[in-house]
Amino acid sequence: MKKILIFAGLAVLLVGLPLLSKFTGGTEAKQVEIQKVEFKLIKSSILASGTLAFREQVQLRSEVIGQVTELHVEEADNVAKGDLVITLDPKSYQAQVEQAEARIELLISLYSIF
Protein backbone atom coordinates (compact mmCIF):
# COMPACT_ATOMS: atom_id res chain seq x y z
CA MET A 1 0.00 0.00 0.00
CA LYS A 2 2.86 2.34 0.79
CA LYS A 3 4.36 1.76 -2.64
CA ILE A 4 1.11 2.70 -4.35
CA LEU A 5 0.89 5.93 -2.36
CA ILE A 6 4.52 6.83 -3.21
CA PHE A 7 3.96 6.20 -6.94
CA ALA A 8 0.70 8.17 -6.87
CA GLY A 9 2.46 11.10 -5.16
CA LEU A 10 5.25 11.06 -7.74
CA ALA A 11 2.73 10.96 -10.60
CA VAL A 12 0.84 13.93 -9.14
CA LEU A 13 4.11 15.88 -8.84
CA LEU A 14 5.19 15.00 -12.39
CA VAL A 15 1.91 16.13 -13.88
CA GLY A 16 1.02 18.84 -11.37
CA LEU A 17 4.22 20.91 -11.35
CA PRO A 18 4.26 21.70 -15.09
CA LEU A 19 0.52 22.47 -15.03
CA LEU A 20 0.93 24.68 -11.97
CA SER A 21 3.77 26.56 -13.69
CA LYS A 22 1.67 27.05 -16.82
CA PHE A 23 -1.37 28.40 -15.00
CA THR A 24 0.48 30.68 -12.57
CA GLY A 25 1.93 32.68 -15.43
CA GLY A 26 5.59 31.75 -15.31
CA THR A 27 7.96 34.33 -16.78
CA GLU A 28 7.68 36.45 -19.89
CA ALA A 29 9.12 35.10 -23.09
CA LYS A 30 12.59 36.39 -23.92
CA GLN A 31 13.32 38.26 -27.12
CA VAL A 32 15.53 36.33 -29.51
CA GLU A 33 17.34 37.34 -32.66
CA ILE A 34 16.66 35.40 -35.81
CA GLN A 35 19.00 35.23 -38.78
CA LYS A 36 18.92 33.44 -42.08
CA VAL A 37 21.14 30.43 -42.43
CA GLU A 38 24.08 31.19 -44.69
CA PHE A 39 27.20 29.40 -45.86
CA LYS A 40 30.46 30.68 -44.34
CA LEU A 41 33.98 29.35 -44.21
CA ILE A 42 35.12 28.52 -40.69
CA LYS A 43 38.75 29.36 -40.12
CA SER A 44 40.64 26.92 -37.98
CA SER A 45 42.92 28.26 -35.30
CA ILE A 46 45.20 26.79 -32.71
CA LEU A 47 45.57 28.19 -29.22
CA ALA A 48 48.97 27.39 -27.79
CA SER A 49 51.23 28.75 -25.12
CA GLY A 50 54.99 29.00 -25.14
CA THR A 51 57.82 31.31 -26.08
CA LEU A 52 59.01 32.46 -29.47
CA ALA A 53 62.65 31.97 -30.39
CA PHE A 54 64.40 33.90 -33.14
CA ARG A 55 66.13 32.00 -35.91
CA GLU A 56 68.57 34.86 -36.20
CA GLN A 57 69.13 37.81 -33.91
CA VAL A 58 71.06 40.88 -34.99
CA GLN A 59 72.34 43.78 -32.91
CA LEU A 60 72.26 47.17 -34.60
CA ARG A 61 74.82 49.80 -33.70
CA SER A 62 76.04 52.86 -35.50
CA GLU A 63 79.61 53.83 -36.20
CA VAL A 64 78.95 57.31 -34.84
CA ILE A 65 77.10 58.58 -31.80
CA GLY A 66 74.07 60.74 -32.50
CA GLN A 67 70.43 61.42 -31.76
CA VAL A 68 67.85 59.51 -33.84
CA THR A 69 65.68 61.90 -35.85
CA GLU A 70 63.74 59.38 -37.98
CA LEU A 71 62.93 55.69 -37.67
CA HIS A 72 62.27 54.13 -41.09
CA VAL A 73 61.13 50.64 -40.02
CA GLU A 74 58.66 49.18 -37.54
CA GLU A 75 59.25 46.30 -35.16
CA ALA A 76 59.24 42.92 -36.98
CA ASP A 77 59.73 44.52 -40.44
CA ASN A 78 62.02 42.65 -42.80
CA VAL A 79 65.16 44.55 -43.72
CA ALA A 80 67.97 43.71 -46.10
CA LYS A 81 71.60 44.72 -46.19
CA GLY A 82 71.86 48.37 -47.22
CA ASP A 83 68.29 49.33 -46.22
CA LEU A 84 67.93 52.64 -44.39
CA VAL A 85 66.80 51.89 -40.83
CA ILE A 86 67.29 55.17 -38.93
CA THR A 87 68.42 58.72 -39.63
CA LEU A 88 70.75 60.38 -37.13
CA ASP A 89 70.92 64.10 -36.40
CA PRO A 90 74.03 65.19 -38.35
CA LYS A 91 74.96 68.02 -35.95
CA SER A 92 76.88 65.90 -33.46
CA TYR A 93 79.00 63.92 -35.90
CA GLN A 94 79.42 66.94 -38.22
CA ALA A 95 81.05 68.74 -35.28
CA GLN A 96 83.43 65.79 -34.86
CA VAL A 97 84.34 65.96 -38.58
CA GLU A 98 85.00 69.69 -38.32
CA GLN A 99 87.23 69.15 -35.27
CA ALA A 100 89.20 66.48 -37.14
CA GLU A 101 89.61 68.79 -40.16
CA ALA A 102 90.82 71.61 -37.85
CA ARG A 103 93.41 69.26 -36.33
CA ILE A 104 94.64 68.31 -39.79
CA GLU A 105 95.00 71.99 -40.78
CA LEU A 106 96.86 72.67 -37.53
CA LEU A 107 99.24 69.77 -38.12
CA ILE A 108 99.84 70.87 -41.73
CA SER A 109 100.63 74.43 -40.61
CA LEU A 110 102.94 73.11 -37.87
CA TYR A 111 104.68 70.83 -40.38
CA SER A 112 105.19 73.65 -42.89
CA ILE A 113 106.86 75.77 -40.20
CA PHE A 114 109.60 73.22 -39.61
C-alpha atoms as a PDB file:
ATOM      1  CA  MET A   1       0.000   0.000   0.000  1.00  0.00           C
ATOM      2  CA  LYS A   2       2.863   2.339   0.794  1.00  0.00           C
ATOM      3  CA  LYS A   3       4.355   1.759  -2.637  1.00  0.00           C
ATOM      4  CA  ILE A   4       1.113   2.696  -4.345  1.00  0.00           C
ATOM      5  CA  LEU A   5       0.887   5.933  -2.361  1.00  0.00           C
ATOM      6  CA  ILE A   6       4.522   6.832  -3.209  1.00  0.00           C
ATOM      7  CA  PHE A   7       3.957   6.195  -6.936  1.00  0.00           C
ATOM      8  CA  ALA A   8       0.705   8.170  -6.868  1.00  0.00           C
ATOM      9  CA  GLY A   9       2.464  11.096  -5.159  1.00  0.00           C
ATOM     10  CA  LEU A  10       5.249  11.058  -7.744  1.00  0.00           C
ATOM     11  CA  ALA A  11       2.729  10.955 -10.595  1.00  0.00           C
ATOM     12  CA  VAL A  12       0.841  13.929  -9.143  1.00  0.00           C
ATOM     13  CA  LEU A  13       4.110  15.880  -8.843  1.00  0.00           C
ATOM     14  CA  LEU A  14       5.187  14.995 -12.390  1.00  0.00           C
ATOM     15  CA  VAL A  15       1.910  16.134 -13.881  1.00  0.00           C
ATOM     16  CA  GLY A  16       1.018  18.835 -11.371  1.00  0.00           C
ATOM     17  CA  LEU A  17       4.222  20.913 -11.346  1.00  0.00           C
ATOM     18  CA  PRO A  18       4.261  21.702 -15.087  1.00  0.00           C
ATOM     19  CA  LEU A  19       0.521  22.469 -15.030  1.00  0.00           C
ATOM     20  CA  LEU A  20       0.932  24.679 -11.967  1.00  0.00           C
ATOM     21  CA  SER A  21       3.774  26.557 -13.686  1.00  0.00           C
ATOM     22  CA  LYS A  22       1.673  27.050 -16.816  1.00  0.00           C
ATOM     23  CA  PHE A  23      -1.370  28.398 -14.996  1.00  0.00           C
ATOM     24  CA  THR A  24       0.478  30.675 -12.569  1.00  0.00           C
ATOM     25  CA  GLY A  25       1.929  32.677 -15.426  1.00  0.00           C
ATOM     26  CA  GLY A  26       5.593  31.749 -15.313  1.00  0.00           C
ATOM     27  CA  THR A  27       7.961  34.334 -16.780  1.00  0.00           C
ATOM     28  CA  GLU A  28       7.684  36.446 -19.887  1.00  0.00           C
ATOM     29  CA  ALA A  29       9.124  35.096 -23.089  1.00  0.00           C
ATOM     30  CA  LYS A  30      12.587  36.392 -23.917  1.00  0.00           C
ATOM     31  CA  GLN A  31      13.323  38.255 -27.116  1.00  0.00           C
ATOM     32  CA  VAL A  32      15.529  36.329 -29.512  1.00  0.00           C
ATOM     33  CA  GLU A  33      17.343  37.343 -32.664  1.00  0.00           C
ATOM     34  CA  ILE A  34      16.657  35.398 -35.808  1.00  0.00           C
ATOM     35  CA  GLN A  35      19.003  35.232 -38.781  1.00  0.00           C
ATOM     36  CA  LYS A  36      18.920  33.438 -42.077  1.00  0.00           C
ATOM     37  CA  VAL A  37      21.136  30.431 -42.433  1.00  0.00           C
ATOM     38  CA  GLU A  38      24.082  31.187 -44.690  1.00  0.00           C
ATOM     39  CA  PHE A  39      27.197  29.400 -45.861  1.00  0.00           C
ATOM     40  CA  LYS A  40      30.463  30.676 -44.343  1.00  0.00           C
ATOM     41  CA  LEU A  41      33.976  29.345 -44.209  1.00  0.00           C
ATOM     42  CA  ILE A  42      35.120  28.522 -40.691  1.00  0.00           C
ATOM     43  CA  LYS A  43      38.752  29.360 -40.119  1.00  0.00           C
ATOM     44  CA  SER A  44      40.636  26.919 -37.982  1.00  0.00           C
ATOM     45  CA  SER A  45      42.915  28.259 -35.298  1.00  0.00           C
ATOM     46  CA  ILE A  46      45.203  26.791 -32.713  1.00  0.00           C
ATOM     47  CA  LEU A  47      45.568  28.190 -29.225  1.00  0.00           C
ATOM     48  CA  ALA A  48      48.970  27.390 -27.790  1.00  0.00           C
ATOM     49  CA  SER A  49      51.228  28.748 -25.123  1.00  0.00           C
ATOM     50  CA  GLY A  50      54.990  28.999 -25.142  1.00  0.00           C
ATOM     51  CA  THR A  51      57.818  31.311 -26.080  1.00  0.00           C
ATOM     52  CA  LEU A  52      59.009  32.460 -29.472  1.00  0.00           C
ATOM     53  CA  ALA A  53      62.645  31.974 -30.387  1.00  0.00           C
ATOM     54  CA  PHE A  54      64.404  33.897 -33.139  1.00  0.00           C
ATOM     55  CA  ARG A  55      66.125  31.999 -35.909  1.00  0.00           C
ATOM     56  CA  GLU A  56      68.571  34.855 -36.195  1.00  0.00           C
ATOM     57  CA  GLN A  57      69.125  37.810 -33.906  1.00  0.00           C
ATOM     58  CA  VAL A  58      71.059  40.881 -34.990  1.00  0.00           C
ATOM     59  CA  GLN A  59      72.336  43.784 -32.906  1.00  0.00           C
ATOM     60  CA  LEU A  60      72.265  47.172 -34.597  1.00  0.00           C
ATOM     61  CA  ARG A  61      74.821  49.802 -33.698  1.00  0.00           C
ATOM     62  CA  SER A  62      76.042  52.856 -35.503  1.00  0.00           C
ATOM     63  CA  GLU A  63      79.614  53.832 -36.201  1.00  0.00           C
ATOM     64  CA  VAL A  64      78.948  57.314 -34.837  1.00  0.00           C
ATOM     65  CA  ILE A  65      77.099  58.577 -31.802  1.00  0.00           C
ATOM     66  CA  GLY A  66      74.065  60.736 -32.496  1.00  0.00           C
ATOM     67  CA  GLN A  67      70.432  61.416 -31.763  1.00  0.00           C
ATOM     68  CA  VAL A  68      67.847  59.510 -33.843  1.00  0.00           C
ATOM     69  CA  THR A  69      65.680  61.895 -35.853  1.00  0.00           C
ATOM     70  CA  GLU A  70      63.740  59.377 -37.982  1.00  0.00           C
ATOM     71  CA  LEU A  71      62.929  55.686 -37.665  1.00  0.00           C
ATOM     72  CA  HIS A  72      62.268  54.132 -41.089  1.00  0.00           C
ATOM     73  CA  VAL A  73      61.128  50.640 -40.016  1.00  0.00           C
ATOM     74  CA  GLU A  74      58.661  49.177 -37.539  1.00  0.00           C
ATOM     75  CA  GLU A  75      59.248  46.297 -35.161  1.00  0.00           C
ATOM     76  CA  ALA A  76      59.241  42.921 -36.978  1.00  0.00           C
ATOM     77  CA  ASP A  77      59.729  44.522 -40.437  1.00  0.00           C
ATOM     78  CA  ASN A  78      62.018  42.655 -42.799  1.00  0.00           C
ATOM     79  CA  VAL A  79      65.161  44.549 -43.724  1.00  0.00           C
ATOM     80  CA  ALA A  80      67.967  43.707 -46.105  1.00  0.00           C
ATOM     81  CA  LYS A  81      71.599  44.718 -46.195  1.00  0.00           C
ATOM     82  CA  GLY A  82      71.863  48.368 -47.221  1.00  0.00           C
ATOM     83  CA  ASP A  83      68.287  49.329 -46.221  1.00  0.00           C
ATOM     84  CA  LEU A  84      67.926  52.642 -44.390  1.00  0.00           C
ATOM     85  CA  VAL A  85      66.797  51.894 -40.832  1.00  0.00           C
ATOM     86  CA  ILE A  86      67.294  55.171 -38.934  1.00  0.00           C
ATOM     87  CA  THR A  87      68.418  58.723 -39.625  1.00  0.00           C
ATOM     88  CA  LEU A  88      70.747  60.376 -37.128  1.00  0.00           C
ATOM     89  CA  ASP A  89      70.923  64.098 -36.400  1.00  0.00           C
ATOM     90  CA  PRO A  90      74.035  65.185 -38.351  1.00  0.00           C
ATOM     91  CA  LYS A  91      74.959  68.021 -35.952  1.00  0.00           C
ATOM     92  CA  SER A  92      76.882  65.896 -33.464  1.00  0.00           C
ATOM     93  CA  TYR A  93      79.004  63.918 -35.900  1.00  0.00           C
ATOM     94  CA  GLN A  94      79.418  66.938 -38.219  1.00  0.00           C
ATOM     95  CA  ALA A  95      81.053  68.740 -35.279  1.00  0.00           C
ATOM     96  CA  GLN A  96      83.433  65.793 -34.860  1.00  0.00           C
ATOM     97  CA  VAL A  97      84.336  65.961 -38.577  1.00  0.00           C
ATOM     98  CA  GLU A  98      84.996  69.694 -38.323  1.00  0.00           C
ATOM     99  CA  GLN A  99      87.232  69.149 -35.266  1.00  0.00           C
ATOM    100  CA  ALA A 100      89.204  66.481 -37.136  1.00  0.00           C
ATOM    101  CA  GLU A 101      89.614  68.790 -40.163  1.00  0.00           C
ATOM    102  CA  ALA A 102      90.821  71.611 -37.853  1.00  0.00           C
ATOM    103  CA  ARG A 103      93.414  69.257 -36.329  1.00  0.00           C
ATOM    104  CA  ILE A 104      94.640  68.308 -39.787  1.00  0.00           C
ATOM    105  CA  GLU A 105      95.002  71.988 -40.781  1.00  0.00           C
ATOM    106  CA  LEU A 106      96.860  72.671 -37.529  1.00  0.00           C
ATOM    107  CA  LEU A 107      99.242  69.766 -38.116  1.00  0.00           C
ATOM    108  CA  ILE A 108      99.844  70.874 -41.733  1.00  0.00           C
ATOM    109  CA  SER A 109     100.631  74.426 -40.612  1.00  0.00           C
ATOM    110  CA  LEU A 110     102.937  73.113 -37.871  1.00  0.00           C
ATOM    111  CA  TYR A 111     104.682  70.825 -40.379  1.00  0.00           C
ATOM    112  CA  SER A 112     105.190  73.649 -42.895  1.00  0.00           C
ATOM    113  CA  ILE A 113     106.864  75.767 -40.204  1.00  0.00           C
ATOM    114  CA  PHE A 114     109.602  73.219 -39.613  1.00  0.00           C
END
